[in-house]
Amino acid sequence: MRSLTYVNHITDRSGWYFIIIVMLCLFFPATVLCEDCSDYESTSDDVPSKLIFDHKMHSAFFNSHESSYPWYIIRNEDGTFESVTGEKVSKRDKKPVEHTSNCVSTHQGQHVMEFCDATYDSGVLSLEIYGGMPAYSSSLRIIVKGVDFSCRFKGVYPAPVSNCRRKIIAKKLTFKDRKIKKGKRLFGRVSVEFEETSTYKGKTETVRHKIEGYIKPVVK
């Protein structure tokens, strides 16, 4: 599937209508037809691996300050905003969102997943890595308990794919600091490989994918 230019960089009307057509023809039908593929429960993770700590870990991404508007928001040259969904643009929509992930995914074609959300509650850290909309719609979830962690993946397809099953075959998670608490920025590196088995037009095949890169979310 070809990558699309981010909608917040599109300023002309032709680009605006093109995005709407793509979303109607690809994304929404996929959501309806591929419900069993867009579910974390389709993933199995039996790979034994422990969280690693490396206080010397560094990436230029840790010091970067990139951000973008939500994928459905267009900022026109005159400073006004529009939404490709046709809904009213809120104050929140007008605020650029920080890129807290720089992970590259090979799922449905190589693309960058720019966002990572992190929540910490009762000693359990949950990471959600996603990005690439509207051309791509997938996310990786990592649940960390102590030094143990498990991974789950889900994705939506531009075709009626069914019977999706994912199996984690390799994973590595590294944090720069041991202390995790709400309000603190978390610096880390993620590397996850999985096999995905799915059926399309009666043909079942298994493909290997990888998600790898750095993250820097603020823990909530």
C-alpha atoms as a PDB file:
ATOM      1  CA  MET A   1       0.000   0.000   0.000  1.00  0.00           C
ATOM      2  CA  ARG A   2       1.449   3.330  -0.984  1.00  0.00           C
ATOM      3  CA  SER A   3       2.222   5.886   1.655  1.00  0.00           C
ATOM      4  CA  LEU A   4       0.245   9.121   1.546  1.00  0.00           C
ATOM      5  CA  THR A   5       1.568  12.584   2.308  1.00  0.00           C
ATOM      6  CA  TYR A   6       0.490  13.770   5.730  1.00  0.00           C
ATOM      7  CA  VAL A   7      -2.786  15.611   5.488  1.00  0.00           C
ATOM      8  CA  ASN A   8      -1.609  18.488   7.654  1.00  0.00           C
ATOM      9  CA  HIS A   9       0.817  19.376   4.823  1.00  0.00           C
ATOM     10  CA  ILE A  10      -1.910  19.422   2.158  1.00  0.00           C
ATOM     11  CA  THR A  11      -3.189  22.912   1.437  1.00  0.00           C
ATOM     12  CA  ASP A  12      -4.968  22.699  -1.900  1.00  0.00           C
ATOM     13  CA  ARG A  13      -8.527  21.525  -2.501  1.00  0.00           C
ATOM     14  CA  SER A  14      -7.558  18.660  -4.795  1.00  0.00           C
ATOM     15  CA  GLY A  15      -5.435  17.121  -2.055  1.00  0.00           C
ATOM     16  CA  TRP A  16      -8.241  17.618   0.448  1.00  0.00           C
ATOM     17  CA  TYR A  17     -10.749  15.717  -1.688  1.00  0.00           C
ATOM     18  CA  PHE A  18      -8.201  13.034  -2.542  1.00  0.00           C
ATOM     19  CA  ILE A  19      -7.740  12.183   1.124  1.00  0.00           C
ATOM     20  CA  ILE A  20     -11.504  11.924   1.646  1.00  0.00           C
ATOM     21  CA  ILE A  21     -11.854   9.544  -1.314  1.00  0.00           C
ATOM     22  CA  VAL A  22      -8.989   7.378  -0.076  1.00  0.00           C
ATOM     23  CA  MET A  23     -10.487   7.158   3.392  1.00  0.00           C
ATOM     24  CA  LEU A  24     -13.928   6.244   2.119  1.00  0.00           C
ATOM     25  CA  CYS A  25     -12.685   3.644  -0.353  1.00  0.00           C
ATOM     26  CA  LEU A  26      -9.938   2.044   1.698  1.00  0.00           C
ATOM     27  CA  PHE A  27      -9.977   2.656   5.404  1.00  0.00           C
ATOM     28  CA  PHE A  28     -13.643   2.423   6.333  1.00  0.00           C
ATOM     29  CA  PRO A  29     -14.465  -0.720   4.315  1.00  0.00           C
ATOM     30  CA  ALA A  30     -11.408  -2.367   5.816  1.00  0.00           C
ATOM     31  CA  THR A  31     -12.655  -1.575   9.288  1.00  0.00           C
ATOM     32  CA  VAL A  32     -15.949  -3.287   8.568  1.00  0.00           C
ATOM     33  CA  LEU A  33     -14.599  -6.318   6.689  1.00  0.00           C
ATOM     34  CA  CYS A  34     -11.536  -7.071   8.795  1.00  0.00           C
ATOM     35  CA  GLU A  35     -12.772  -6.921  12.360  1.00  0.00           C
ATOM     36  CA  ASP A  36     -10.862 -10.047  13.397  1.00  0.00           C
ATOM     37  CA  CYS A  37      -7.627  -8.475  12.116  1.00  0.00           C
ATOM     38  CA  SER A  38      -7.903  -5.249  14.101  1.00  0.00           C
ATOM     39  CA  ASP A  39      -7.797  -6.949  17.498  1.00  0.00           C
ATOM     40  CA  TYR A  40      -4.888  -7.354  19.909  1.00  0.00           C
ATOM     41  CA  GLU A  41      -6.261 -10.754  20.904  1.00  0.00           C
ATOM     42  CA  SER A  42      -5.063 -12.183  17.577  1.00  0.00           C
ATOM     43  CA  THR A  43      -1.450 -11.995  18.806  1.00  0.00           C
ATOM     44  CA  SER A  44       0.418 -14.663  20.771  1.00  0.00           C
ATOM     45  CA  ASP A  45       3.673 -13.920  22.594  1.00  0.00           C
ATOM     46  CA  ASP A  46       5.611 -16.824  24.100  1.00  0.00           C
ATOM     47  CA  VAL A  47       9.075 -15.349  23.603  1.00  0.00           C
ATOM     48  CA  PRO A  48      11.073 -15.198  26.873  1.00  0.00           C
ATOM     49  CA  SER A  49      12.781 -11.802  27.129  1.00  0.00           C
ATOM     50  CA  LYS A  50      13.610  -9.352  29.901  1.00  0.00           C
ATOM     51  CA  LEU A  51      13.639  -5.568  29.977  1.00  0.00           C
ATOM     52  CA  ILE A  52      17.157  -4.156  29.588  1.00  0.00           C
ATOM     53  CA  PHE A  53      18.502  -0.973  31.181  1.00  0.00           C
ATOM     54  CA  ASP A  54      21.253   1.066  29.495  1.00  0.00           C
ATOM     55  CA  HIS A  55      21.930   4.511  30.961  1.00  0.00           C
ATOM     56  CA  LYS A  56      24.366   5.223  28.083  1.00  0.00           C
ATOM     57  CA  MET A  57      21.732   4.712  25.384  1.00  0.00           C
ATOM     58  CA  HIS A  58      21.410   7.753  23.119  1.00  0.00           C
ATOM     59  CA  SER A  59      19.643   8.805  19.946  1.00  0.00           C
ATOM     60  CA  ALA A  60      19.383  12.125  18.134  1.00  0.00           C
ATOM     61  CA  PHE A  61      15.624  11.569  18.330  1.00  0.00           C
ATOM     62  CA  PHE A  62      15.755  12.067  22.108  1.00  0.00           C
ATOM     63  CA  ASN A  63      16.731  15.719  21.544  1.00  0.00           C
ATOM     64  CA  SER A  64      14.429  16.402  18.589  1.00  0.00           C
ATOM     65  CA  HIS A  65      11.316  18.590  18.773  1.00  0.00           C
ATOM     66  CA  GLU A  66       9.099  17.456  15.907  1.00  0.00           C
ATOM     67  CA  SER A  67       5.316  17.649  15.975  1.00  0.00           C
ATOM     68  CA  SER A  68       2.367  17.591  13.590  1.00  0.00           C
ATOM     69  CA  TYR A  69      -1.370  18.201  13.541  1.00  0.00           C
ATOM     70  CA  PRO A  70      -3.738  15.214  13.751  1.00  0.00           C
ATOM     71  CA  TRP A  71      -3.836  13.361  10.415  1.00  0.00           C
ATOM     72  CA  TYR A  72      -7.369  14.562   9.674  1.00  0.00           C
ATOM     73  CA  ILE A  73      -6.535  18.254  10.112  1.00  0.00           C
ATOM     74  CA  ILE A  74      -5.500  20.613   7.308  1.00  0.00           C
ATOM     75  CA  ARG A  75      -3.940  23.994   8.046  1.00  0.00           C
ATOM     76  CA  ASN A  76      -4.492  26.321   5.130  1.00  0.00           C
ATOM     77  CA  GLU A  77      -2.023  28.959   3.960  1.00  0.00           C
ATOM     78  CA  ASP A  78      -4.178  31.694   5.504  1.00  0.00           C
ATOM     79  CA  GLY A  79      -3.887  30.043   8.941  1.00  0.00           C
ATOM     80  CA  THR A  80      -7.395  28.583   9.055  1.00  0.00           C
ATOM     81  CA  PHE A  81      -8.068  24.915   9.796  1.00  0.00           C
ATOM     82  CA  GLU A  82     -10.261  22.267   8.173  1.00  0.00           C
ATOM     83  CA  SER A  83     -11.076  18.675   9.029  1.00  0.00           C
ATOM     84  CA  VAL A  84     -11.249  15.998   6.309  1.00  0.00           C
ATOM     85  CA  THR A  85     -13.971  14.307   8.360  1.00  0.00           C
ATOM     86  CA  GLY A  86     -16.252  17.325   7.923  1.00  0.00           C
ATOM     87  CA  GLU A  87     -16.566  17.802  11.680  1.00  0.00           C
ATOM     88  CA  LYS A  88     -15.995  21.058  13.534  1.00  0.00           C
ATOM     89  CA  VAL A  89     -12.341  21.752  14.320  1.00  0.00           C
ATOM     90  CA  SER A  90     -11.755  21.928  18.076  1.00  0.00           C
ATOM     91  CA  LYS A  91      -9.067  23.825  19.988  1.00  0.00           C
ATOM     92  CA  ARG A  92      -7.364  20.518  20.623  1.00  0.00           C
ATOM     93  CA  ASP A  93      -7.232  19.796  16.873  1.00  0.00           C
ATOM     94  CA  LYS A  94      -5.331  23.038  16.311  1.00  0.00           C
ATOM     95  CA  LYS A  95      -2.546  22.015  18.668  1.00  0.00           C
ATOM     96  CA  PRO A  96       0.383  20.133  17.108  1.00  0.00           C
ATOM     97  CA  VAL A  97       1.065  16.755  18.684  1.00  0.00           C
ATOM     98  CA  GLU A  98       4.624  15.913  19.697  1.00  0.00           C
ATOM     99  CA  HIS A  99       6.289  13.010  17.925  1.00  0.00           C
ATOM    100  CA  THR A 100       7.122  10.675  20.799  1.00  0.00           C
ATOM    101  CA  SER A 101       8.103   7.700  18.640  1.00  0.00           C
ATOM    102  CA  ASN A 102      10.512   7.205  15.776  1.00  0.00           C
ATOM    103  CA  CYS A 103       9.795   3.548  15.120  1.00  0.00           C
ATOM    104  CA  VAL A 104       9.810   2.138  11.592  1.00  0.00           C
ATOM    105  CA  SER A 105       7.239  -0.529  10.750  1.00  0.00           C
ATOM    106  CA  THR A 106       7.365  -2.828   7.720  1.00  0.00           C
ATOM    107  CA  HIS A 107       3.702  -3.809   8.057  1.00  0.00           C
ATOM    108  CA  GLN A 108       1.922  -3.139   4.708  1.00  0.00           C
ATOM    109  CA  GLY A 109       4.955  -1.207   3.524  1.00  0.00           C
ATOM    110  CA  GLN A 110       7.682   0.609   5.406  1.00  0.00           C
ATOM    111  CA  HIS A 111       6.492   3.671   7.326  1.00  0.00           C
ATOM    112  CA  VAL A 112       7.203   5.625  10.492  1.00  0.00           C
ATOM    113  CA  MET A 113       5.066   5.312  13.610  1.00  0.00           C
ATOM    114  CA  GLU A 114       5.444   8.789  15.133  1.00  0.00           C
ATOM    115  CA  PHE A 115       3.530   8.466  18.384  1.00  0.00           C
ATOM    116  CA  CYS A 116       3.882   6.567  21.643  1.00  0.00           C
ATOM    117  CA  ASP A 117       1.523   6.833  24.604  1.00  0.00           C
ATOM    118  CA  ALA A 118       2.633   5.599  28.008  1.00  0.00           C
ATOM    119  CA  THR A 119       0.449   4.951  31.060  1.00  0.00           C
ATOM    120  CA  TYR A 120       1.593   3.642  34.438  1.00  0.00           C
ATOM    121  CA  ASP A 121      -0.794   2.241  37.016  1.00  0.00           C
ATOM    122  CA  SER A 122      -0.359  -0.166  39.926  1.00  0.00           C
ATOM    123  CA  GLY A 123       3.159  -1.093  38.824  1.00  0.00           C
ATOM    124  CA  VAL A 124       2.149  -1.867  35.231  1.00  0.00           C
ATOM    125  CA  LEU A 125       3.445   0.216  32.312  1.00  0.00           C
ATOM    126  CA  SER A 126       1.490   0.202  29.057  1.00  0.00           C
ATOM    127  CA  LEU A 127       3.042   1.512  25.833  1.00  0.00           C
ATOM    128  CA  GLU A 128       1.007   2.155  22.689  1.00  0.00           C
ATOM    129  CA  ILE A 129       3.021   2.842  19.518  1.00  0.00           C
ATOM    130  CA  TYR A 130       1.180   4.017  16.396  1.00  0.00           C
ATOM    131  CA  GLY A 131       1.222   6.445  13.460  1.00  0.00           C
ATOM    132  CA  GLY A 132       1.153   6.699   9.687  1.00  0.00           C
ATOM    133  CA  MET A 133      -2.519   7.589   9.254  1.00  0.00           C
ATOM    134  CA  PRO A 134      -4.361   7.777   6.946  1.00  0.00           C
ATOM    135  CA  ALA A 135      -2.270   5.504   4.751  1.00  0.00           C
ATOM    136  CA  TYR A 136      -1.592   3.065   7.576  1.00  0.00           C
ATOM    137  CA  SER A 137      -3.646   2.106  10.620  1.00  0.00           C
ATOM    138  CA  SER A 138      -1.877  -0.189  13.050  1.00  0.00           C
ATOM    139  CA  SER A 139      -0.479  -0.148  16.556  1.00  0.00           C
ATOM    140  CA  LEU A 140       1.884  -2.064  18.817  1.00  0.00           C
ATOM    141  CA  ARG A 141       1.075  -2.509  22.497  1.00  0.00           C
ATOM    142  CA  ILE A 142       3.745  -3.406  25.031  1.00  0.00           C
ATOM    143  CA  ILE A 143       2.821  -4.294  28.614  1.00  0.00           C
ATOM    144  CA  VAL A 144       5.673  -4.088  31.141  1.00  0.00           C
ATOM    145  CA  LYS A 145       5.482  -5.685  34.591  1.00  0.00           C
ATOM    146  CA  GLY A 146       8.766  -5.450  36.459  1.00  0.00           C
ATOM    147  CA  VAL A 147      11.374  -6.681  33.964  1.00  0.00           C
ATOM    148  CA  ASP A 148       8.911  -8.874  32.093  1.00  0.00           C
ATOM    149  CA  PHE A 149       7.041  -7.576  29.055  1.00  0.00           C
ATOM    150  CA  SER A 150       4.648  -8.852  26.405  1.00  0.00           C
ATOM    151  CA  CYS A 151       3.744  -7.506  22.962  1.00  0.00           C
ATOM    152  CA  ARG A 152       0.524  -7.300  20.955  1.00  0.00           C
ATOM    153  CA  PHE A 153      -0.157  -5.963  17.443  1.00  0.00           C
ATOM    154  CA  LYS A 154      -3.275  -4.977  15.524  1.00  0.00           C
ATOM    155  CA  GLY A 155      -3.903  -3.501  12.081  1.00  0.00           C
ATOM    156  CA  VAL A 156      -6.599  -2.504   9.619  1.00  0.00           C
ATOM    157  CA  TYR A 157      -6.388  -3.471   5.942  1.00  0.00           C
ATOM    158  CA  PRO A 158      -7.479  -1.811   2.636  1.00  0.00           C
ATOM    159  CA  ALA A 159      -8.847  -5.197   1.508  1.00  0.00           C
ATOM    160  CA  PRO A 160     -11.132  -7.907   2.962  1.00  0.00           C
ATOM    161  CA  VAL A 161      -8.396  -9.845   4.758  1.00  0.00           C
ATOM    162  CA  SER A 162      -9.571 -12.389   7.336  1.00  0.00           C
ATOM    163  CA  ASN A 163      -8.420 -14.984   9.863  1.00  0.00           C
ATOM    164  CA  CYS A 164      -5.469 -12.907  11.046  1.00  0.00           C
ATOM    165  CA  ARG A 165      -3.072 -14.502  13.509  1.00  0.00           C
ATOM    166  CA  ARG A 166       0.138 -12.939  14.762  1.00  0.00           C
ATOM    167  CA  LYS A 167       3.014 -14.619  16.561  1.00  0.00           C
ATOM    168  CA  ILE A 168       5.825 -12.693  18.223  1.00  0.00           C
ATOM    169  CA  ILE A 169       9.115 -14.314  17.212  1.00  0.00           C
ATOM    170  CA  ALA A 170      11.665 -11.833  18.615  1.00  0.00           C
ATOM    171  CA  LYS A 171      11.540  -8.820  20.906  1.00  0.00           C
ATOM    172  CA  LYS A 172      13.863  -6.468  22.746  1.00  0.00           C
ATOM    173  CA  LEU A 173      13.010  -3.513  24.970  1.00  0.00           C
ATOM    174  CA  THR A 174      15.604  -1.178  26.455  1.00  0.00           C
ATOM    175  CA  PHE A 175      15.044   1.741  28.857  1.00  0.00           C
ATOM    176  CA  LYS A 176      17.600   4.404  29.681  1.00  0.00           C
ATOM    177  CA  ASP A 177      16.459   4.783  33.304  1.00  0.00           C
ATOM    178  CA  ARG A 178      15.139   2.275  35.814  1.00  0.00           C
ATOM    179  CA  LYS A 179      12.762   4.655  37.569  1.00  0.00           C
ATOM    180  CA  ILE A 180       9.315   4.916  36.003  1.00  0.00           C
ATOM    181  CA  LYS A 181       6.757   7.375  37.324  1.00  0.00           C
ATOM    182  CA  LYS A 182       3.917   9.544  36.080  1.00  0.00           C
ATOM    183  CA  GLY A 183       4.979  12.886  34.660  1.00  0.00           C
ATOM    184  CA  LYS A 184       8.489  11.698  33.799  1.00  0.00           C
ATOM    185  CA  ARG A 185       9.712  11.275  30.239  1.00  0.00           C
ATOM    186  CA  LEU A 186      10.673   7.734  29.328  1.00  0.00           C
ATOM    187  CA  PHE A 187      13.509   7.124  26.884  1.00  0.00           C
ATOM    188  CA  GLY A 188      13.684   3.715  25.258  1.00  0.00           C
ATOM    189  CA  ARG A 189      14.351   1.536  22.255  1.00  0.00           C
ATOM    190  CA  VAL A 190      11.959  -1.053  20.831  1.00  0.00           C
ATOM    191  CA  SER A 191      12.550  -3.971  18.475  1.00  0.00           C
ATOM    192  CA  VAL A 192       9.726  -6.427  17.786  1.00  0.00           C
ATOM    193  CA  GLU A 193       9.416  -9.039  15.042  1.00  0.00           C
ATOM    194  CA  PHE A 194       6.295 -11.050  14.358  1.00  0.00           C
ATOM    195  CA  GLU A 195       4.791 -13.415  11.830  1.00  0.00           C
ATOM    196  CA  GLU A 196       1.334 -12.642  10.508  1.00  0.00           C
ATOM    197  CA  THR A 197      -0.867 -15.283   8.925  1.00  0.00           C
ATOM    198  CA  SER A 198      -3.955 -14.085   7.043  1.00  0.00           C
ATOM    199  CA  THR A 199      -6.352 -15.110   4.290  1.00  0.00           C
ATOM    200  CA  TYR A 200      -7.161 -13.035   1.198  1.00  0.00           C
ATOM    201  CA  LYS A 201      -9.289 -14.274  -1.706  1.00  0.00           C
ATOM    202  CA  GLY A 202      -9.101 -17.808  -0.382  1.00  0.00           C
ATOM    203  CA  LYS A 203      -5.302 -17.827  -0.169  1.00  0.00           C
ATOM    204  CA  THR A 204      -3.580 -18.052   3.204  1.00  0.00           C
ATOM    205  CA  GLU A 205      -0.043 -16.791   3.618  1.00  0.00           C
ATOM    206  CA  THR A 206       2.409 -15.968   6.402  1.00  0.00           C
ATOM    207  CA  VAL A 207       4.550 -12.826   6.266  1.00  0.00           C
ATOM    208  CA  ARG A 208       7.190 -11.559   8.680  1.00  0.00           C
ATOM    209  CA  HIS A 209       7.143  -7.943   9.893  1.00  0.00           C
ATOM    210  CA  LYS A 210       9.309  -5.785  12.135  1.00  0.00           C
ATOM    211  CA  ILE A 211       8.817  -2.645  14.222  1.00  0.00           C
ATOM    212  CA  GLU A 212      11.974  -0.995  15.473  1.00  0.00           C
ATOM    213  CA  GLY A 213      13.112   2.379  16.747  1.00  0.00           C
ATOM    214  CA  TYR A 214      13.209   4.837  19.659  1.00  0.00           C
ATOM    215  CA  ILE A 215      10.478   6.198  21.908  1.00  0.00           C
ATOM    216  CA  LYS A 216      10.283   9.141  24.354  1.00  0.00           C
ATOM    217  CA  PRO A 217       6.762   9.421  25.787  1.00  0.00           C
ATOM    218  CA  VAL A 218       5.843  11.267  28.967  1.00  0.00           C
ATOM    219  CA  VAL A 219       4.309   8.743  31.349  1.00  0.00           C
ATOM    220  CA  LYS A 220       0.700   9.407  32.343  1.00  0.00           C
END
